[in-house]
């Protein structure tokens, strides 16, 4: 398995490449790269639900909240959103904190975990952390297409090993490639640590409790996460999963029973100095496996200029728009959303439901719309350019978030940043991070009563302007706590604290290249 590096010096890039630096796009996740690559395409579609079974968001697929496909702009590191006023993260008089971060996929222009890997590492470098990122070789083209990384941000690329016959296609190949990359990541980390002597190590992605991290063996202060995937689907939601409930029940069993004997997960969380979890259920499972310190932390954020500051009236008072954003996966609750909107339509006949995302033009969804008498009231627009999606946040009246299993949901934070109130189930990451005052959080209940409760929450916001204004203000205030710079500041403080504590407690013996067996 080979490794190549790209540093913040322009000389490491091909001659003639412009030495510009880029930073996070306007909303939480940028989407600008023209091609998705064979591996990304394979991860979509056929194996998307299988990957999700173990809490892994498929890059560019289930993790893309708005189904955005077009180009997007990027700001430079020197722009005001990340300049001045931040702490200086140094150990000693003039040495910056050195962090080694593993991020399986990194992209400045994708959603889901690749986008998080880019935005967070860039934000850490911008506040003075010396960041080295080990990522997959397939991320290189998209990273280098953005120009020279900023100072303090270095990428190291680890290529894939050849897989044994029987693991070269299908679902198993996706997992096998990731596990093989993890081994190569550890080998690269040992070599890099011998050269740079890192203060702290962080496994950033994939952020899955189930698959663990080989970097737990490096012998340095170790942060695992943010991770998700520990949340289960309550049986009360069974009917909304439909035919996919059998697979969902198997996933629940794997988390409640099989995870306890998963050596990779147990070894990782027990070795971690800090586990960051995206929801309470994942945090609880980490503690049950032996994690000594677990804290909640979202795996998404927005840039400050994405947050709307001006108050405005409820959009579309005469013909309100209820916005739904996601992909047509069982856990996204498409059927639940349609039943909830049927309740809205009975009370507010002029309301329309606009659904953004891929896969919504299927025959089953069409049949549901017809059976509920919603022809003409539901508009499925598919994947749209990012500027159009932003306009939809700004011109819609309420967001309906119907996911019945989700670590969090980036679209919730995106909507809140624009002052759009959200109606959602009070479970998983939304239950932990979305303030109740930012919309309506609906407790779980059985059957059609759940859809009615969601619909009633939407109606309440549509028909009570004062409540809508209060929710809009609370949503915007909540979003200010989840900017990329604040997320980087929080993580850097964790890094510095762990590094200082380890130094005060004595030196740590280093691994050698021969100690990287699987």
Protein backbone atom coordinates (compact mmCIF):
# COMPACT_ATOMS: atom_id res chain seq x y z
CA UNK A 1 0.00 0.00 0.00
CA UNK A 2 1.56 3.28 -1.08
CA UNK A 3 1.49 6.64 0.61
CA UNK A 4 2.03 10.07 -0.88
CA UNK A 5 1.84 13.47 0.80
CA UNK A 6 0.66 16.91 -0.18
CA UNK A 7 1.63 19.77 2.05
CA UNK A 8 0.85 23.45 2.32
CA UNK A 9 3.78 24.33 0.04
CA UNK A 10 2.95 24.97 -3.58
CA UNK A 11 5.99 23.04 -4.81
CA UNK A 12 4.37 19.73 -3.96
CA UNK A 13 1.66 20.29 -6.54
CA UNK A 14 1.97 19.97 -10.34
CA UNK A 15 3.59 23.04 -11.94
CA UNK A 16 1.14 25.74 -12.88
CA UNK A 17 -1.53 24.84 -10.35
CA UNK A 18 -2.82 28.09 -8.83
CA UNK A 19 -1.65 28.50 -5.21
CA UNK A 20 -5.08 29.42 -3.87
CA UNK A 21 -6.67 28.15 -0.71
CA UNK A 22 -10.30 27.38 -0.21
CA UNK A 23 -12.60 26.99 2.76
CA UNK A 24 -16.08 25.69 3.54
CA UNK A 25 -18.91 26.61 1.25
CA UNK A 26 -21.93 28.68 2.17
CA UNK A 27 -23.91 26.03 3.96
CA UNK A 28 -22.87 23.03 5.98
CA UNK A 29 -21.67 20.90 3.08
CA UNK A 30 -20.35 21.97 -0.32
CA UNK A 31 -21.27 20.15 -3.51
CA UNK A 32 -19.23 21.18 -6.50
CA UNK A 33 -17.19 18.33 -7.94
CA UNK A 34 -18.31 17.32 -11.42
CA UNK A 35 -17.81 13.58 -11.08
CA UNK A 36 -18.41 11.13 -8.33
CA UNK A 37 -15.95 8.41 -9.31
CA UNK A 38 -16.56 4.70 -9.70
CA UNK A 39 -16.33 3.97 -6.00
CA UNK A 40 -18.75 6.71 -5.04
CA UNK A 41 -21.22 5.56 -7.66
CA UNK A 42 -20.97 2.00 -6.45
CA UNK A 43 -21.65 3.11 -2.90
CA UNK A 44 -24.82 4.78 -4.07
CA UNK A 45 -27.95 2.95 -4.99
CA UNK A 46 -27.61 -0.79 -4.64
CA UNK A 47 -25.54 -0.91 -1.45
CA UNK A 48 -26.70 2.31 0.17
CA UNK A 49 -29.04 0.67 2.64
CA UNK A 50 -26.50 -2.05 3.43
CA UNK A 51 -23.82 0.48 4.30
CA UNK A 52 -26.28 2.36 6.43
CA UNK A 53 -26.95 -0.83 8.37
CA UNK A 54 -23.75 -0.24 10.32
CA UNK A 55 -24.13 3.48 10.82
CA UNK A 56 -22.00 4.59 7.87
CA UNK A 57 -23.38 7.48 5.83
CA UNK A 58 -22.76 6.77 2.18
CA UNK A 59 -20.79 9.71 0.76
CA UNK A 60 -22.85 11.74 -1.64
CA UNK A 61 -25.90 9.56 -1.11
CA UNK A 62 -27.94 9.17 2.06
CA UNK A 63 -25.87 11.85 3.71
CA UNK A 64 -26.73 14.52 1.12
CA UNK A 65 -29.56 16.40 2.73
CA UNK A 66 -30.56 18.47 -0.25
CA UNK A 67 -29.65 16.22 -3.15
CA UNK A 68 -27.53 19.02 -4.59
CA UNK A 69 -25.63 18.33 -7.79
CA UNK A 70 -24.29 21.64 -9.08
CA UNK A 71 -21.18 23.73 -8.55
CA UNK A 72 -20.77 25.87 -5.48
CA UNK A 73 -18.46 28.67 -4.45
CA UNK A 74 -15.78 28.51 -1.78
CA UNK A 75 -14.34 31.22 0.42
CA UNK A 76 -10.63 31.62 1.10
CA UNK A 77 -9.01 30.85 4.44
CA UNK A 78 -8.11 34.51 4.90
CA UNK A 79 -11.70 35.73 4.63
CA UNK A 80 -13.31 37.22 7.75
CA UNK A 81 -15.32 34.15 8.70
CA UNK A 82 -12.17 32.55 10.08
CA UNK A 83 -9.87 35.45 10.86
CA UNK A 84 -9.00 36.93 14.21
CA UNK A 85 -10.42 36.43 17.66
CA UNK A 86 -9.52 32.75 18.00
CA UNK A 87 -7.38 31.04 20.58
CA UNK A 88 -3.79 30.10 19.80
CA UNK A 89 -3.35 26.37 20.21
CA UNK A 90 0.30 25.93 21.05
CA UNK A 91 2.33 23.62 23.25
CA UNK A 92 5.34 25.49 24.53
CA UNK A 93 6.39 28.98 23.56
CA UNK A 94 6.20 28.75 19.80
CA UNK A 95 5.26 25.22 18.77
CA UNK A 96 1.73 24.70 17.42
CA UNK A 97 -0.34 21.75 18.52
CA UNK A 98 0.28 18.86 16.13
CA UNK A 99 -2.69 16.66 15.28
CA UNK A 100 -2.85 13.55 13.10
CA UNK A 101 -6.36 12.95 11.73
CA UNK A 102 -7.65 9.90 9.87
CA UNK A 103 -10.44 10.70 7.42
CA UNK A 104 -11.20 7.91 4.98
CA UNK A 105 -12.71 10.25 2.40
CA UNK A 106 -12.12 14.00 2.16
CA UNK A 107 -13.70 16.36 -0.32
CA UNK A 108 -14.17 20.12 -0.45
CA UNK A 109 -17.24 19.68 -2.61
CA UNK A 110 -19.23 16.71 -1.33
CA UNK A 111 -21.64 16.20 1.46
CA UNK A 112 -21.69 13.63 4.24
CA UNK A 113 -18.42 12.43 5.76
CA UNK A 114 -16.10 13.55 2.91
CA UNK A 115 -17.34 17.12 3.32
CA UNK A 116 -16.99 16.97 7.08
CA UNK A 117 -13.41 15.74 6.71
CA UNK A 118 -12.52 18.74 4.56
CA UNK A 119 -14.37 21.46 6.45
CA UNK A 120 -13.26 20.47 9.94
CA UNK A 121 -9.59 19.87 9.13
CA UNK A 122 -9.47 23.15 7.21
CA UNK A 123 -11.06 24.96 10.15
CA UNK A 124 -8.57 23.42 12.59
CA UNK A 125 -5.65 24.55 10.44
CA UNK A 126 -7.15 28.03 10.18
CA UNK A 127 -7.08 28.46 13.96
CA UNK A 128 -3.45 27.45 14.26
CA UNK A 129 -3.38 23.67 14.67
CA UNK A 130 -0.72 21.87 12.61
CA UNK A 131 -2.99 19.30 10.96
CA UNK A 132 -1.85 16.19 9.10
CA UNK A 133 -4.65 14.20 7.45
CA UNK A 134 -4.39 10.60 6.30
CA UNK A 135 -7.02 9.92 3.67
CA UNK A 136 -7.70 7.60 0.77
CA UNK A 137 -5.82 8.10 -2.47
CA UNK A 138 -9.11 8.54 -4.31
CA UNK A 139 -9.66 11.81 -2.45
CA UNK A 140 -6.57 13.38 -3.96
CA UNK A 141 -8.02 14.65 -7.24
CA UNK A 142 -10.85 16.58 -5.59
CA UNK A 143 -8.57 18.03 -2.91
CA UNK A 144 -5.94 19.16 -5.38
CA UNK A 145 -8.57 20.56 -7.75
CA UNK A 146 -9.23 23.20 -5.11
CA UNK A 147 -5.66 24.48 -5.18
CA UNK A 148 -2.93 24.54 -2.55
CA UNK A 149 -4.05 23.67 1.00
CA UNK A 150 -3.67 26.43 3.55
CA UNK A 151 -0.69 26.64 5.85
CA UNK A 152 -0.78 24.02 8.56
CA UNK A 153 -2.85 21.55 6.55
CA UNK A 154 -1.07 18.53 5.03
CA UNK A 155 -2.71 15.57 3.31
CA UNK A 156 -1.18 12.09 3.12
CA UNK A 157 -2.75 9.65 0.69
CA UNK A 158 -2.96 5.92 1.34
CA UNK A 159 -3.89 3.73 -1.61
CA UNK A 160 -6.05 0.63 -1.43
CA UNK A 161 -4.66 -2.87 -1.16
CA UNK A 162 -5.68 -5.55 -3.59
CA UNK A 163 -8.57 -7.46 -2.07
CA UNK A 164 -8.90 -11.25 -1.95
CA UNK A 165 -11.15 -12.86 -4.50
CA UNK A 166 -14.71 -12.81 -3.26
CA UNK A 167 -14.30 -9.32 -1.74
CA UNK A 168 -13.82 -7.34 -4.93
CA UNK A 169 -17.41 -6.41 -5.67
CA UNK A 170 -20.71 -5.89 -3.95
CA UNK A 171 -21.40 -4.89 -0.39
CA UNK A 172 -18.49 -6.83 1.07
CA UNK A 173 -15.98 -4.96 -1.09
CA UNK A 174 -17.00 -1.62 0.44
CA UNK A 175 -16.36 -2.87 3.98
CA UNK A 176 -13.24 -4.81 2.98
CA UNK A 177 -11.70 -1.80 1.27
CA UNK A 178 -12.32 0.34 4.36
CA UNK A 179 -10.79 -2.21 6.72
CA UNK A 180 -7.78 -2.67 4.44
CA UNK A 181 -7.38 1.10 4.28
CA UNK A 182 -7.48 1.27 8.07
CA UNK A 183 -4.51 -1.08 8.26
CA UNK A 184 -2.62 1.02 5.76
CA UNK A 185 -3.62 4.11 7.71
CA UNK A 186 -2.00 2.72 10.85
CA UNK A 187 1.20 1.87 8.99
CA UNK A 188 1.31 5.41 7.61
CA UNK A 189 0.54 6.87 11.03
CA UNK A 190 3.48 5.04 12.63
CA UNK A 191 5.87 6.40 10.00
CA UNK A 192 4.48 9.92 10.21
CA UNK A 193 4.54 9.96 14.00
CA UNK A 194 8.21 8.95 14.00
CA UNK A 195 8.86 12.02 11.86
CA UNK A 196 6.50 14.57 13.43
CA UNK A 197 5.84 13.32 17.00
CA UNK A 198 2.16 14.23 17.07
CA UNK A 199 0.51 15.53 20.22
CA UNK A 200 -2.87 13.92 19.56
CA UNK A 201 -4.54 11.53 17.12
CA UNK A 202 -8.16 11.69 15.93
CA UNK A 203 -10.09 9.12 13.88
CA UNK A 204 -12.62 11.35 12.18
CA UNK A 205 -14.20 9.16 9.53
CA UNK A 206 -15.82 6.94 8.77
CA UNK A 207 -17.50 7.85 12.02
CA UNK A 208 -18.93 4.44 12.84
CA UNK A 209 -18.92 2.81 16.26
CA UNK A 210 -19.22 -0.62 14.65
CA UNK A 211 -15.98 -0.46 12.61
CA UNK A 212 -13.68 1.13 15.21
CA UNK A 213 -10.23 2.50 14.40
CA UNK A 214 -6.72 1.09 14.13
CA UNK A 215 -5.28 4.42 15.34
CA UNK A 216 -6.25 3.42 18.88
CA UNK A 217 -3.02 1.36 18.82
CA UNK A 218 -0.68 4.26 18.12
CA UNK A 219 -0.05 5.04 21.80
CA UNK A 220 -0.87 8.75 21.58
CA UNK A 221 -3.76 10.70 23.12
CA UNK A 222 -6.61 9.41 20.98
CA UNK A 223 -9.98 10.96 20.09
CA UNK A 224 -12.54 8.74 18.38
CA UNK A 225 -15.25 10.53 16.46
CA UNK A 226 -17.64 12.17 16.19
CA UNK A 227 -19.23 8.79 15.66
CA UNK A 228 -22.81 7.73 15.07
CA UNK A 229 -24.54 4.52 14.20
CA UNK A 230 -25.35 3.42 17.75
CA UNK A 231 -28.99 4.46 17.51
CA UNK A 232 -31.67 1.81 17.09
CA UNK A 233 -35.15 2.02 15.64
CA UNK A 234 -37.91 1.70 18.25
CA UNK A 235 -40.44 -1.02 17.54
CA UNK A 236 -43.17 1.60 17.71
CA UNK A 237 -41.94 2.82 14.31
CA UNK A 238 -42.16 -0.60 12.71
CA UNK A 239 -45.04 0.12 10.34
CA UNK A 240 -43.31 3.18 8.91
CA UNK A 241 -40.36 1.04 7.80
CA UNK A 242 -42.66 -1.21 5.81
CA UNK A 243 -41.00 -4.21 4.20
CA UNK A 244 -37.55 -3.04 5.33
CA UNK A 245 -38.40 -3.62 8.99
CA UNK A 246 -36.87 -7.11 8.91
CA UNK A 247 -33.47 -5.67 8.02
CA UNK A 248 -33.95 -2.92 10.56
CA UNK A 249 -34.72 -5.47 13.27
CA UNK A 250 -31.53 -7.33 12.35
CA UNK A 251 -29.60 -4.08 12.70
CA UNK A 252 -31.19 -3.48 16.11
CA UNK A 253 -30.12 -6.95 17.21
CA UNK A 254 -26.57 -6.36 15.96
CA UNK A 255 -26.34 -3.22 18.09
CA UNK A 256 -27.99 -4.61 21.21
CA UNK A 257 -26.33 -8.03 21.20
CA UNK A 258 -23.56 -8.55 18.65
CA UNK A 259 -21.85 -5.22 19.30
CA UNK A 260 -20.99 -6.33 22.84
CA UNK A 261 -18.67 -9.00 21.41
CA UNK A 262 -17.23 -6.84 18.62
CA UNK A 263 -13.49 -6.71 19.43
CA UNK A 264 -12.77 -3.87 17.03
CA UNK A 265 -15.37 -1.56 18.57
CA UNK A 266 -14.55 -2.53 22.15
CA UNK A 267 -10.79 -2.14 21.70
CA UNK A 268 -11.23 1.26 20.08
CA UNK A 269 -13.50 2.88 22.66
CA UNK A 270 -11.55 1.45 25.58
CA UNK A 271 -8.30 2.87 24.19
CA UNK A 272 -9.85 6.27 23.42
CA UNK A 273 -9.08 9.16 25.73
CA UNK A 274 -12.27 10.76 24.40
CA UNK A 275 -15.20 9.44 22.38
CA UNK A 276 -17.35 12.03 20.62
CA UNK A 277 -20.85 10.79 19.80
CA UNK A 278 -23.51 12.40 17.62
CA UNK A 279 -26.41 11.22 19.77
CA UNK A 280 -27.14 9.91 23.24
CA UNK A 281 -27.80 6.33 22.19
CA UNK A 282 -24.41 6.04 20.48
CA UNK A 283 -22.84 7.62 23.57
CA UNK A 284 -24.54 5.06 25.84
CA UNK A 285 -23.36 2.13 23.71
CA UNK A 286 -19.81 3.51 23.77
CA UNK A 287 -19.91 3.64 27.58
CA UNK A 288 -21.30 0.12 27.71
CA UNK A 289 -18.31 -1.06 25.68
CA UNK A 290 -15.93 0.47 28.19
CA UNK A 291 -15.35 4.07 27.05
CA UNK A 292 -14.20 6.16 30.00
CA UNK A 293 -15.03 9.61 28.64
CA UNK A 294 -17.83 10.28 26.17
CA UNK A 295 -19.23 13.63 25.06
CA UNK A 296 -21.89 14.62 22.55
CA UNK A 297 -20.69 16.41 19.42
CA UNK A 298 -22.39 17.02 16.09
CA UNK A 299 -20.67 15.89 12.91
CA UNK A 300 -21.89 18.85 10.90
CA UNK A 301 -21.78 22.64 11.08
CA UNK A 302 -22.38 25.82 9.08
CA UNK A 303 -20.27 28.85 8.27
CA UNK A 304 -21.33 32.07 10.02
CA UNK A 305 -22.40 33.88 6.85
CA UNK A 306 -24.94 31.09 6.23
CA UNK A 307 -26.90 32.18 9.30
CA UNK A 308 -29.74 34.57 8.57
CA UNK A 309 -29.94 37.48 10.99
CA UNK A 310 -32.90 39.50 9.75
CA UNK A 311 -36.37 38.62 11.00
CA UNK A 312 -39.15 38.30 8.47
CA UNK A 313 -42.79 37.33 8.27
CA UNK A 314 -43.96 33.76 7.76
CA UNK A 315 -43.28 33.03 4.07
CA UNK A 316 -46.24 32.05 1.93
CA UNK A 317 -49.01 32.88 4.37
CA UNK A 318 -51.72 32.43 1.73
CA UNK A 319 -50.16 29.34 0.12
CA UNK A 320 -47.60 27.94 2.59
CA UNK A 321 -44.84 25.57 1.55
CA UNK A 322 -43.85 22.62 3.72
CA UNK A 323 -40.31 21.56 2.78
CA UNK A 324 -38.97 17.99 2.97
CA UNK A 325 -35.31 17.25 2.13
CA UNK A 326 -33.67 13.83 1.84
CA UNK A 327 -33.36 10.67 -0.21
CA UNK A 328 -35.93 7.97 -0.67
CA UNK A 329 -34.60 5.49 1.89
CA UNK A 330 -36.77 3.58 4.38
CA UNK A 331 -35.19 5.32 7.38
CA UNK A 332 -35.98 8.76 5.91
CA UNK A 333 -39.70 8.24 6.56
CA UNK A 334 -41.09 9.30 3.17
CA UNK A 335 -44.39 7.53 3.80
CA UNK A 336 -44.63 9.08 7.25
CA UNK A 337 -44.04 12.53 5.74
CA UNK A 338 -46.84 12.03 3.21
CA UNK A 339 -49.29 10.89 5.88
CA UNK A 340 -48.29 13.85 8.05
CA UNK A 341 -48.84 16.26 5.18
CA UNK A 342 -52.25 14.72 4.52
CA UNK A 343 -53.17 15.93 8.02
CA UNK A 344 -51.79 19.40 7.15
CA UNK A 345 -53.73 19.50 3.89
CA UNK A 346 -57.01 18.82 5.65
CA UNK A 347 -56.53 21.89 7.85
CA UNK A 348 -54.71 24.13 5.37
CA UNK A 349 -55.92 23.15 1.87
CA UNK A 350 -53.71 25.76 0.20
CA UNK A 351 -50.51 24.22 1.61
CA UNK A 352 -48.16 22.33 -0.66
CA UNK A 353 -45.42 19.82 0.14
CA UNK A 354 -42.14 20.31 -1.75
CA UNK A 355 -39.82 17.30 -1.61
CA UNK A 356 -36.16 17.61 -2.59
CA UNK A 357 -33.84 14.67 -3.14
CA UNK A 358 -33.23 11.61 -5.27
CA UNK A 359 -35.41 8.56 -5.79
CA UNK A 360 -38.73 10.22 -4.96
CA UNK A 361 -40.29 9.69 -8.39
CA UNK A 362 -40.74 5.96 -7.83
CA UNK A 363 -44.02 4.14 -8.32
CA UNK A 364 -44.53 3.42 -4.61
CA UNK A 365 -44.32 7.10 -3.66
CA UNK A 366 -46.64 8.03 -6.50
CA UNK A 367 -49.16 5.42 -5.31
CA UNK A 368 -49.02 6.81 -1.76
CA UNK A 369 -49.67 10.33 -3.00
CA UNK A 370 -52.65 9.17 -5.01
CA UNK A 371 -54.06 7.04 -2.17
CA UNK A 372 -53.91 10.01 0.21
CA UNK A 373 -55.63 12.31 -2.29
CA UNK A 374 -52.61 14.62 -2.53
CA UNK A 375 -52.31 14.87 -6.32
CA UNK A 376 -51.35 18.42 -7.17
CA UNK A 377 -50.35 19.24 -3.59
CA UNK A 378 -47.05 17.32 -3.52
CA UNK A 379 -44.19 18.50 -5.72
CA UNK A 380 -41.15 16.23 -6.11
CA UNK A 381 -38.34 18.35 -7.51
CA UNK A 382 -35.47 15.89 -7.32
CA UNK A 383 -31.89 17.11 -6.92
CA UNK A 384 -31.43 20.86 -7.24
CA UNK A 385 -28.48 23.28 -7.40
CA UNK A 386 -27.35 24.61 -4.04
CA UNK A 387 -28.48 28.23 -4.62
CA UNK A 388 -31.97 26.95 -5.37
CA UNK A 389 -31.98 24.86 -2.21
CA UNK A 390 -30.95 27.90 -0.16
CA UNK A 391 -33.82 29.83 -1.72
CA UNK A 392 -36.15 26.99 -0.76
CA UNK A 393 -35.05 27.26 2.87
CA UNK A 394 -35.70 31.00 2.73
CA UNK A 395 -39.09 30.87 1.03
CA UNK A 396 -40.60 27.80 2.72
CA UNK A 397 -42.85 28.09 5.75
CA UNK A 398 -41.87 24.97 7.74
CA UNK A 399 -39.44 22.09 7.34
CA UNK A 400 -40.86 18.62 7.95
CA UNK A 401 -38.11 16.22 9.02
CA UNK A 402 -39.57 12.73 9.12
CA UNK A 403 -36.47 10.55 9.51
CA UNK A 404 -37.19 7.58 11.74
CA UNK A 405 -33.54 6.69 12.24
CA UNK A 406 -30.82 9.30 11.84
CA UNK A 407 -27.63 10.17 13.70
CA UNK A 408 -28.70 13.79 13.34
CA UNK A 409 -29.58 15.22 9.92
CA UNK A 410 -27.58 18.05 8.35
CA UNK A 411 -30.68 19.50 6.72
CA UNK A 412 -32.09 20.30 10.17
CA UNK A 413 -29.11 22.53 10.95
CA UNK A 414 -29.21 24.05 7.47
CA UNK A 415 -32.88 24.93 7.88
CA UNK A 416 -32.34 26.38 11.35
CA UNK A 417 -29.48 28.53 10.08
CA UNK A 418 -31.94 30.19 7.70
CA UNK A 419 -34.53 30.69 10.44
CA UNK A 420 -36.85 27.97 9.12
CA UNK A 421 -38.73 26.22 11.96
CA UNK A 422 -38.50 22.41 11.96
CA UNK A 423 -41.07 19.77 12.87
CA UNK A 424 -39.40 16.44 13.67
CA UNK A 425 -39.55 13.34 15.83
CA UNK A 426 -37.98 13.74 19.26
CA UNK A 427 -35.43 10.96 18.80
CA UNK A 428 -31.73 10.41 18.14
CA UNK A 429 -29.56 13.44 17.30
CA UNK A 430 -32.50 15.76 16.71
CA UNK A 431 -33.75 14.94 20.17
CA UNK A 432 -30.33 15.82 21.60
CA UNK A 433 -29.39 18.93 19.62
CA UNK A 434 -32.50 20.63 18.26
CA UNK A 435 -34.04 22.99 20.83
CA UNK A 436 -37.74 22.37 21.38
CA UNK A 437 -38.33 26.09 20.81
CA UNK A 438 -36.88 25.91 17.27
CA UNK A 439 -40.04 24.22 16.02
CA UNK A 440 -41.98 21.20 17.24
CA UNK A 441 -40.45 17.96 18.51
CA UNK A 442 -43.01 15.14 18.45
CA UNK A 443 -42.82 12.26 20.96
CA UNK A 444 -43.06 8.73 19.57
CA UNK A 445 -46.42 6.98 19.41
CA UNK A 446 -47.91 4.14 17.46
CA UNK A 447 -49.69 4.14 14.15
CA UNK A 448 -51.38 6.99 12.36
CA UNK A 449 -51.31 9.03 15.55
CA UNK A 450 -47.64 9.76 14.92
CA UNK A 451 -48.34 11.15 11.44
CA UNK A 452 -51.21 13.21 12.82
CA UNK A 453 -48.99 14.63 15.56
CA UNK A 454 -46.36 15.67 13.03
CA UNK A 455 -49.03 17.23 10.85
CA UNK A 456 -50.56 19.07 13.79
CA UNK A 457 -47.14 20.49 14.64
CA UNK A 458 -46.85 21.87 11.11
CA UNK A 459 -50.36 23.31 11.24
CA UNK A 460 -49.64 24.98 14.56
CA UNK A 461 -46.64 26.80 13.12
CA UNK A 462 -48.51 27.74 9.94
CA UNK A 463 -51.49 29.22 11.77
CA UNK A 464 -49.79 30.95 14.71
CA UNK A 465 -47.47 33.72 13.42
CA UNK A 466 -46.18 34.61 16.89
CA UNK A 467 -45.15 31.00 17.51
CA UNK A 468 -43.49 30.87 14.09
CA UNK A 469 -41.46 34.00 14.84
CA UNK A 470 -40.37 32.62 18.20
CA UNK A 471 -39.32 29.33 16.59
CA UNK A 472 -37.46 31.15 13.80
CA UNK A 473 -35.46 33.19 16.30
CA UNK A 474 -34.66 30.10 18.39
CA UNK A 475 -33.57 28.19 15.28
CA UNK A 476 -31.15 30.92 14.21
CA UNK A 477 -29.77 31.21 17.72
CA UNK A 478 -29.19 27.45 17.87
CA UNK A 479 -27.35 27.49 14.54
CA UNK A 480 -24.85 30.07 15.84
CA UNK A 481 -23.61 27.43 18.27
CA UNK A 482 -22.72 25.09 15.42
CA UNK A 483 -20.34 26.92 13.08
CA UNK A 484 -17.22 25.28 11.68
CA UNK A 485 -14.96 27.63 13.61
CA UNK A 486 -16.70 26.85 16.90
CA UNK A 487 -16.56 23.13 16.15
CA UNK A 488 -12.83 23.43 15.43
CA UNK A 489 -12.30 25.49 18.60
CA UNK A 490 -14.06 22.83 20.70
CA UNK A 491 -12.08 20.00 19.15
CA UNK A 492 -8.77 21.87 19.46
CA UNK A 493 -9.44 22.50 23.15
CA UNK A 494 -9.99 18.76 23.60
CA UNK A 495 -6.76 18.08 21.71
CA UNK A 496 -4.75 20.55 23.78
CA UNK A 497 -6.16 19.32 27.07
CA UNK A 498 -5.44 15.68 26.30
CA UNK A 499 -1.94 16.46 25.05
CA UNK A 500 -1.12 18.54 28.12
CA UNK A 501 -2.48 15.88 30.47
CA UNK A 502 -0.46 13.18 28.75
CA UNK A 503 2.71 15.28 28.93
CA UNK A 504 2.15 15.98 32.60
CA UNK A 505 1.67 12.28 33.24
CA UNK A 506 4.85 11.15 31.49
CA UNK A 507 5.96 10.06 28.06
CA UNK A 508 4.20 7.46 25.94
CA UNK A 509 6.06 4.64 24.29
CA UNK A 510 5.78 4.73 20.52
CA UNK A 511 4.82 1.88 18.25
CA UNK A 512 7.21 0.70 15.61
CA UNK A 513 6.45 -0.18 12.02
CA UNK A 514 6.47 -3.85 12.86
CA UNK A 515 3.64 -3.47 15.37
CA UNK A 516 0.88 -2.71 12.89
CA UNK A 517 -0.60 -6.13 12.43
CA UNK A 518 -4.37 -6.38 11.94
